[in-house]
Amino acid sequence: MLWVFVPSMARAKDVLINLSGIAEGSAPALESDPNPTLKVSYAGLEILNEELYDKVETDEDGVLDWELHDICAASDRRAVRLTLHKRQLGPGIHRYWPRYFKSAGRDIDTITLTCRPAGDAAAAATANSGKKNFQEVWNEAHAMFREKMKNHKPQEIDIGDDNDDDDDDD
């Protein structure tokens, strides 16, 4: 989720959200495609115009989910809450962005985020010390496949004779 502050008198009808650079329809974004640019305007005044760190997904119509919220009744502040869905790299693969926007200052260390399963870098190093990395698993699976294929015997399949013509056109 991303929160963008707007003036306290803002109404939803005066807020315009535009996300440019999204793949058309249901076509997946290509790696070579530029990252989308998020624009938030209020009553014609541009509040935000930034390139996102990476690609996001929208619904079938290319629409983003957003809501206008009162932040604190005492301060009379409002904000637009945008729900951005990061592009999926694959099932079960979670990607943490080090920042929302390309132009943002320094990156955050995503390894130390408490919401991650390992918690912090030291715990991650300890937890992963007994686990195989991707390359080790790949090499092991590839060796098993080669071993299985070493004993593979070709199997003949009868697909019929192509020269059997029952039609006599003489």
Protein backbone atom coordinates (compact mmCIF):
# COMPACT_ATOMS: atom_id res chain seq x y z
CA MET A 1 0.00 0.00 0.00
CA LEU A 2 1.06 3.52 -0.73
CA TRP A 3 -0.33 6.62 1.01
CA VAL A 4 -0.30 10.01 -0.75
CA PHE A 5 -1.33 13.07 1.25
CA VAL A 6 -3.91 15.40 -0.29
CA PRO A 7 -5.46 18.64 1.02
CA SER A 8 -7.88 18.21 3.93
CA MET A 9 -10.86 19.37 1.84
CA ALA A 10 -10.17 16.81 -0.91
CA ARG A 11 -13.11 14.85 -2.26
CA ALA A 12 -12.77 11.62 -4.23
CA LYS A 13 -14.32 13.17 -7.35
CA ASP A 14 -11.46 15.72 -7.43
CA VAL A 15 -8.70 13.08 -7.22
CA LEU A 16 -7.23 11.64 -10.41
CA ILE A 17 -4.99 8.55 -10.38
CA ASN A 18 -3.09 7.64 -13.54
CA LEU A 19 -0.72 4.73 -14.00
CA SER A 20 1.05 4.84 -17.36
CA GLY A 21 3.30 2.22 -18.90
CA ILE A 22 1.17 -0.83 -18.04
CA ALA A 23 1.00 -3.70 -20.56
CA GLU A 24 -2.22 -3.58 -22.58
CA GLY A 25 -5.06 -5.90 -21.56
CA SER A 26 -3.94 -9.12 -19.95
CA ALA A 27 -0.55 -9.18 -21.71
CA PRO A 28 2.25 -9.68 -19.21
CA ALA A 29 4.81 -6.92 -18.83
CA LEU A 30 8.07 -7.66 -20.58
CA GLU A 31 11.39 -7.19 -18.82
CA SER A 32 12.31 -4.61 -21.49
CA ASP A 33 9.14 -2.56 -20.85
CA PRO A 34 9.71 0.63 -18.86
CA ASN A 35 8.46 0.70 -15.30
CA PRO A 36 5.08 2.40 -14.91
CA THR A 37 4.76 6.02 -13.82
CA LEU A 38 2.26 6.84 -11.07
CA LYS A 39 0.55 10.24 -11.19
CA VAL A 40 -1.78 11.55 -8.49
CA SER A 41 -3.56 14.88 -9.03
CA TYR A 42 -6.03 16.86 -6.97
CA ALA A 43 -8.25 19.47 -8.67
CA GLY A 44 -5.76 19.72 -11.55
CA LEU A 45 -2.74 20.14 -9.23
CA GLU A 46 -0.15 17.39 -9.67
CA ILE A 47 0.78 15.97 -6.26
CA LEU A 48 2.86 12.97 -7.37
CA ASN A 49 4.53 12.03 -10.65
CA GLU A 50 7.10 9.28 -10.14
CA GLU A 51 8.37 6.16 -11.90
CA LEU A 52 7.74 3.05 -9.79
CA TYR A 53 10.67 0.86 -8.80
CA ASP A 54 9.31 -2.10 -10.78
CA LYS A 55 6.25 -3.28 -12.65
CA VAL A 56 2.82 -3.70 -11.06
CA GLU A 57 -0.35 -5.51 -12.05
CA THR A 58 -3.81 -4.02 -12.42
CA ASP A 59 -7.23 -5.55 -12.97
CA GLU A 60 -8.47 -6.39 -16.47
CA ASP A 61 -9.46 -2.76 -17.12
CA GLY A 62 -6.08 -1.36 -16.06
CA VAL A 63 -7.63 0.18 -12.94
CA LEU A 64 -5.86 0.60 -9.59
CA ASP A 65 -7.59 0.16 -6.24
CA TRP A 66 -7.59 3.39 -4.23
CA GLU A 67 -9.54 5.05 -1.44
CA LEU A 68 -9.62 8.46 0.18
CA HIS A 69 -9.07 8.32 3.96
CA ASP A 70 -9.18 10.72 6.90
CA ILE A 71 -5.80 10.24 8.57
CA CYS A 72 -6.39 11.93 11.90
CA ALA A 73 -9.54 13.75 12.97
CA ALA A 74 -7.51 16.13 15.18
CA SER A 75 -5.23 17.27 12.34
CA ASP A 76 -7.91 17.16 9.66
CA ARG A 77 -5.53 15.41 7.21
CA ARG A 78 -6.55 13.23 4.28
CA ALA A 79 -4.66 10.77 2.13
CA VAL A 80 -5.20 8.58 -0.89
CA ARG A 81 -4.46 4.94 -0.11
CA LEU A 82 -3.32 3.10 -3.25
CA THR A 83 -3.12 -0.67 -3.33
CA LEU A 84 -0.36 -1.73 -5.71
CA HIS A 85 0.15 -5.38 -6.63
CA LYS A 86 3.73 -6.15 -7.59
CA ARG A 87 4.28 -8.13 -10.75
CA GLN A 88 4.42 -11.85 -9.95
CA LEU A 89 7.71 -13.52 -10.79
CA GLY A 90 6.24 -16.96 -10.16
CA PRO A 91 3.94 -18.81 -7.78
CA GLY A 92 5.03 -18.45 -4.17
CA ILE A 93 7.84 -16.02 -4.99
CA HIS A 94 7.70 -12.86 -2.88
CA ARG A 95 9.69 -9.87 -4.02
CA TYR A 96 10.54 -7.00 -1.72
CA TRP A 97 11.24 -3.63 -3.30
CA PRO A 98 14.01 -1.61 -1.65
CA ARG A 99 11.96 1.56 -2.37
CA TYR A 100 8.68 2.56 -4.06
CA PHE A 101 10.11 4.94 -6.64
CA LYS A 102 13.19 4.89 -8.89
CA SER A 103 14.11 8.43 -7.85
CA ALA A 104 13.83 7.79 -4.09
CA GLY A 105 16.98 8.30 -2.05
CA ARG A 106 18.66 5.34 -0.48
CA ASP A 107 17.43 1.74 -0.52
CA ILE A 108 16.16 0.00 2.57
CA ASP A 109 17.76 -3.31 3.48
CA THR A 110 14.95 -5.72 2.61
CA ILE A 111 16.73 -8.65 4.28
CA THR A 112 16.21 -7.11 7.71
CA LEU A 113 12.47 -6.50 7.37
CA THR A 114 10.62 -8.05 10.31
CA CYS A 115 7.74 -9.14 8.05
CA ARG A 116 10.06 -11.56 6.24
CA PRO A 117 10.00 -15.18 7.40
CA ALA A 118 13.60 -15.08 8.67
CA GLY A 119 13.18 -11.74 10.49
CA ASP A 120 16.69 -10.29 10.29
CA ALA A 121 19.95 -10.87 8.44
CA ALA A 122 21.55 -12.92 11.24
CA ALA A 123 18.48 -15.12 11.59
CA ALA A 124 18.27 -15.47 7.80
CA ALA A 125 21.91 -16.55 7.59
CA THR A 126 21.39 -19.07 10.40
CA ALA A 127 18.10 -20.37 9.00
CA ASN A 128 19.51 -20.76 5.49
CA SER A 129 22.84 -22.27 6.50
CA GLY A 130 21.51 -25.84 6.29
CA LYS A 131 19.44 -25.24 3.18
CA LYS A 132 20.61 -25.73 -0.38
CA ASN A 133 20.66 -22.76 -2.68
CA PHE A 134 18.87 -22.79 -6.01
CA GLN A 135 21.95 -23.74 -8.04
CA GLU A 136 22.70 -26.75 -5.81
CA VAL A 137 19.11 -28.01 -6.12
CA TRP A 138 19.19 -27.46 -9.89
CA ASN A 139 22.47 -29.36 -10.28
CA GLU A 140 21.16 -32.24 -8.19
CA ALA A 141 17.92 -32.45 -10.19
CA HIS A 142 19.84 -32.25 -13.46
CA ALA A 143 22.14 -35.11 -12.38
CA MET A 144 19.10 -37.23 -11.44
CA PHE A 145 17.52 -36.53 -14.85
CA ARG A 146 20.72 -37.50 -16.71
CA GLU A 147 20.92 -40.73 -14.69
CA LYS A 148 17.32 -41.58 -15.51
CA MET A 149 17.83 -40.83 -19.22
CA LYS A 150 21.00 -42.95 -19.33
CA ASN A 151 18.84 -46.09 -18.95
CA HIS A 152 16.07 -44.85 -21.23
CA LYS A 153 15.16 -47.15 -24.12
CA PRO A 154 13.41 -45.76 -27.19
CA GLN A 155 9.84 -47.01 -27.55
CA GLU A 156 8.36 -47.76 -30.96
CA ILE A 157 4.90 -46.36 -31.57
CA ASP A 158 2.70 -47.67 -34.39
CA ILE A 159 1.03 -44.73 -36.12
CA GLY A 160 -0.33 -46.69 -39.08
CA ASP A 161 0.72 -46.80 -42.70
CA ASP A 162 0.39 -43.53 -44.63
CA ASN A 163 0.16 -45.38 -47.96
CA ASP A 164 -3.18 -47.06 -47.22
CA ASP A 165 -5.59 -45.30 -49.62
CA ASP A 166 -9.00 -46.92 -49.66
CA ASP A 167 -10.28 -44.49 -52.27
CA ASP A 168 -9.78 -45.63 -55.87
CA ASP A 169 -10.00 -42.57 -58.10
CA ASP A 170 -9.06 -44.44 -61.31
